[in-house]
Protein backbone atom coordinates (compact mmCIF):
# COMPACT_ATOMS: atom_id res chain seq x y z
CA MET A 1 99.68 160.68 159.66
CA PRO A 2 103.03 159.39 161.08
CA ARG A 3 103.76 156.10 160.47
CA PRO A 4 103.06 153.60 163.17
CA ARG A 5 105.63 151.89 165.03
CA SER A 6 104.59 148.36 165.06
CA LEU A 7 105.98 147.03 161.76
CA SER A 8 109.79 147.05 161.38
CA PRO A 9 111.40 148.03 158.08
CA ALA A 10 114.20 144.83 158.46
CA ARG A 11 110.51 142.64 158.58
CA ILE A 12 108.71 144.48 155.79
CA ALA A 13 111.70 143.42 153.75
CA GLU A 14 111.87 139.95 154.74
CA ALA A 15 108.20 139.90 153.70
CA ALA A 16 109.33 141.19 150.20
CA LEU A 17 112.48 138.72 150.35
CA ALA A 18 110.09 135.93 151.32
CA VAL A 19 107.63 136.93 147.98
CA ILE A 20 111.03 137.46 145.27
CA ASP A 21 112.18 134.10 146.63
CA ARG A 22 108.92 132.00 146.52
CA ASP A 23 107.29 133.52 143.48
CA GLY A 24 110.19 135.87 141.39
CA LEU A 25 110.74 139.54 141.11
CA PRO A 26 107.85 139.99 139.16
CA ALA A 27 105.39 139.09 141.68
CA LEU A 28 106.91 141.39 143.98
CA THR A 29 104.20 144.57 144.92
CA MET A 30 102.67 145.86 147.42
CA ARG A 31 99.62 144.11 147.47
CA ALA A 32 101.42 140.49 147.74
CA VAL A 33 103.91 142.23 150.47
CA ALA A 34 100.84 142.80 152.26
CA GLN A 35 99.65 139.61 152.13
CA GLU A 36 102.74 137.40 153.39
CA LEU A 37 102.08 140.16 156.19
CA GLY A 38 98.56 139.28 157.01
CA MET A 39 97.58 142.90 156.43
CA GLY A 40 95.46 144.85 153.34
CA THR A 41 97.70 146.51 150.89
CA MET A 42 96.41 150.28 152.04
CA SER A 43 97.56 149.70 155.71
CA LEU A 44 100.68 149.09 153.87
CA TYR A 45 101.36 152.38 152.63
CA ARG A 46 101.68 153.29 156.01
CA TYR A 47 105.24 152.03 156.55
CA VAL A 48 106.69 152.33 152.61
CA ASP A 49 104.98 154.69 149.82
CA ASP A 50 106.06 152.06 146.64
CA ARG A 51 107.40 148.81 145.05
CA GLN A 52 110.39 150.47 144.43
CA GLU A 53 111.05 151.51 148.78
CA LEU A 54 110.18 147.91 148.86
CA GLU A 55 112.91 146.96 146.57
CA GLY A 56 115.89 149.20 148.50
CA LEU A 57 114.75 147.52 151.85
CA VAL A 58 115.36 144.11 150.39
CA VAL A 59 119.04 145.62 148.86
CA GLU A 60 119.55 146.94 152.43
CA LEU A 61 118.83 143.30 153.91
CA VAL A 62 120.89 141.05 151.88
CA LEU A 63 123.83 143.31 151.08
CA GLY A 64 123.54 144.36 154.68
CA ALA A 65 125.07 141.70 155.96
CA VAL A 66 128.04 142.23 153.93
CA ASP A 67 131.34 142.55 156.33
CA THR A 68 132.94 145.42 154.01
CA VAL A 69 135.95 145.59 155.94
CA PRO A 70 139.05 143.54 153.88
CA PRO A 71 141.56 141.09 155.47
CA PRO A 72 144.06 143.59 156.20
CA GLY A 73 147.70 142.93 155.46
CA ALA A 74 146.84 140.46 152.05
CA PRO A 75 147.42 141.55 149.05
CA TRP A 76 145.30 143.91 146.84
CA ARG A 77 144.03 141.26 144.87
CA GLU A 78 143.25 138.88 147.58
CA GLN A 79 141.56 141.72 149.30
CA VAL A 80 139.21 142.49 146.49
CA ALA A 81 138.64 138.65 145.48
CA THR A 82 137.61 138.57 148.91
CA LEU A 83 134.74 141.02 149.19
CA VAL A 84 133.71 140.47 145.83
CA ARG A 85 132.74 136.74 146.93
CA ARG A 86 131.30 138.00 150.02
CA VAL A 87 128.82 139.44 147.83
CA ARG A 88 128.42 136.43 145.75
CA ASP A 89 127.89 134.53 149.55
CA ALA A 90 125.31 137.23 150.64
CA VAL A 91 122.94 137.00 147.17
CA ALA A 92 124.09 132.97 147.07
CA ALA A 93 120.49 131.77 148.18
CA HIS A 94 118.39 135.03 146.71
CA PRO A 95 119.56 135.44 142.98
CA ALA A 96 116.52 137.18 141.68
CA VAL A 97 117.69 139.68 143.95
CA VAL A 98 120.39 140.60 141.46
CA PRO A 99 119.29 143.31 139.15
CA LEU A 100 117.75 144.64 142.21
CA THR A 101 121.05 145.55 143.37
CA MET A 102 121.85 146.95 140.43
CA THR A 103 119.08 149.45 140.09
CA HIS A 104 120.15 150.43 143.34
CA ARG A 105 123.29 150.78 143.63
CA HIS A 106 123.61 154.55 144.02
CA SER A 107 120.88 154.98 147.14
CA SER A 108 121.60 151.75 148.98
CA PRO A 109 124.31 152.21 151.92
CA ALA A 110 125.28 148.47 152.16
CA SER A 111 126.27 149.13 148.23
CA LEU A 112 127.94 151.96 148.70
CA ARG A 113 129.79 151.09 151.65
CA TRP A 114 130.75 147.45 149.57
CA GLY A 115 131.79 150.30 147.00
CA GLU A 116 134.11 152.75 148.92
CA ALA A 117 135.65 149.23 150.45
CA VAL A 118 136.71 148.24 146.52
CA VAL A 119 138.23 151.83 145.46
CA ASP A 120 140.31 152.13 148.53
CA VAL A 121 141.43 148.90 148.45
CA LEU A 122 142.19 149.83 144.80
CA ALA A 123 143.86 153.41 145.31
CA GLY A 124 145.45 151.73 148.42
CA ALA A 125 147.18 149.28 144.99
CA GLY A 126 147.81 153.23 143.27
CA PHE A 127 144.97 152.93 140.81
CA ASP A 128 144.26 156.35 139.62
CA ALA A 129 140.61 157.62 139.92
CA ARG A 130 140.08 157.11 136.02
CA SER A 131 141.57 153.49 136.76
CA ARG A 132 139.74 153.08 139.65
CA VAL A 133 136.30 153.45 136.74
CA ILE A 134 137.43 150.49 135.02
CA ALA A 135 138.20 148.40 137.73
CA LEU A 136 134.94 148.40 140.02
CA ARG A 137 132.49 148.63 136.60
CA ALA A 138 134.86 145.35 135.04
CA LEU A 139 134.12 143.69 138.96
CA LEU A 140 130.48 144.86 139.11
CA GLY A 141 129.77 143.02 135.40
CA TYR A 142 131.83 140.32 135.80
CA LEU A 143 129.89 139.84 139.75
CA LEU A 144 126.06 139.87 139.00
CA GLY A 145 127.20 138.41 135.49
CA ALA A 146 128.27 135.25 137.31
CA ILE A 147 125.62 134.89 140.04
CA GLN A 148 122.87 135.11 137.77
CA LEU A 149 125.09 132.35 134.91
CA GLU A 150 125.96 130.33 138.34
CA HIS A 151 121.74 130.14 139.45
CA LEU A 152 119.62 130.79 136.13
CA GLY A 153 122.63 128.57 133.59
CA PRO A 154 124.58 126.29 135.93
CA LEU A 155 127.18 124.72 134.25
CA ALA A 156 125.82 121.28 135.45
CA GLY A 157 121.90 122.47 134.19
CA ALA A 158 120.50 121.07 130.53
CA GLY A 159 122.12 123.95 128.62
CA THR A 160 125.37 122.02 128.82
CA ASP A 161 124.00 119.04 127.98
CA VAL A 162 122.40 120.21 124.84
CA MET A 163 125.96 122.00 124.16
CA ALA A 164 127.53 118.80 124.71
CA ALA A 165 125.22 116.69 122.10
CA LEU A 166 126.15 119.35 119.48
CA PRO A 167 127.16 117.97 116.48
CA ASP A 168 131.24 117.43 116.34
CA ASP A 169 132.02 118.14 112.45
CA THR A 170 129.96 120.94 112.94
CA TYR A 171 130.82 122.80 116.50
CA PRO A 172 133.70 120.29 117.34
CA ARG A 173 135.59 122.81 120.20
CA LEU A 174 132.23 124.17 121.34
CA ALA A 175 131.08 120.37 122.22
CA GLU A 176 134.20 119.10 123.37
CA THR A 177 134.42 122.20 125.89
CA ALA A 178 131.16 121.62 127.24
CA ARG A 179 131.80 117.60 127.93
CA SER A 180 133.66 119.41 130.33
CA ALA A 181 131.69 121.75 131.45
CA LYS A 182 129.83 119.82 134.54
CA THR A 183 133.71 118.56 136.13
CA VAL A 184 133.91 122.47 136.70
CA THR A 185 132.56 123.23 140.15
CA PRO A 186 130.56 126.08 140.72
CA ASP A 187 133.48 128.00 143.34
CA GLU A 188 136.20 127.10 140.82
CA GLU A 189 133.88 128.21 137.74
CA PHE A 190 133.56 131.36 139.63
CA ASP A 191 136.97 131.90 141.76
CA GLY A 192 138.80 131.40 138.01
CA GLY A 193 137.06 134.12 135.73
CA LEU A 194 137.13 136.64 139.27
CA ALA A 195 141.01 135.88 138.70
CA ALA A 196 141.04 136.61 135.30
CA VAL A 197 139.42 139.39 135.54
CA LEU A 198 141.73 140.80 138.65
CA ALA A 199 144.62 140.10 136.13
CA GLY A 200 143.49 141.70 133.93
CA ILE A 201 142.62 144.89 135.86
CA GLU A 202 146.06 144.95 136.92
CA ALA A 203 147.34 144.93 133.16
CA GLY A 204 145.48 147.54 132.04
CA ALA A 205 146.52 149.84 134.65
CA ARG A 206 150.28 149.36 134.10
C-alpha cells in the first residue's frame, strides 16, 4: 500500500527529535513518536519501517543543516577546524543524538557530505589516502567524545567539584588541575583540544 503524503519525513524527524530531547535516546520508539504526532502506532508504520529509519531521519534533520563548504583560501587546519565546529554547533542542543551519528555515519547523506568535505581538504593539503584515514578517524573520535563530555560531564559540573576536593596528599596534581578546570570555558576547552588534535595530525603526516 503506498504511503500517504500528508506527513513529511521532516515532520516525523522533528517529532522523533522532540522525544529524544525530552526523554532521552532510549525513549525513542515508534509508539512514542506516534503519540508525539497524535496518531496511532500502526499509522506511523505507513510512513517509516522501524526505529532505525527514525534514527536516520533524526540524523539528517540535525546534520542536514551543517554547511560543508570550508572557508575558501584558509589554511587547511582552519578549514578542517571550521567544519568540525559546525557539527558541534549543530548538535549543541541535541547531545543525545551523538551516538546516532556513529551508527548512521555510513548511510546518512549529511554525514557523508561532511566526511567528503573533510577528506577533500586533507587531500588538497597533501595527505595521502592512508593518512586521511587516520586523520578522519582522529577527528571523529575527538568531535564525538568532546560533544558528549561537554554536555554529559562538563567542567562546570559536579564531577569537577569531586575531583577538586580530592586529598592533596594523595592526588596533588589532579586536585590542583581540577580546581582550575572551572575557569576553562566550553569553547576554550573544545578549541584547545581540537588544536592539539590537528597539530598531532599534521606532525604524524610528516
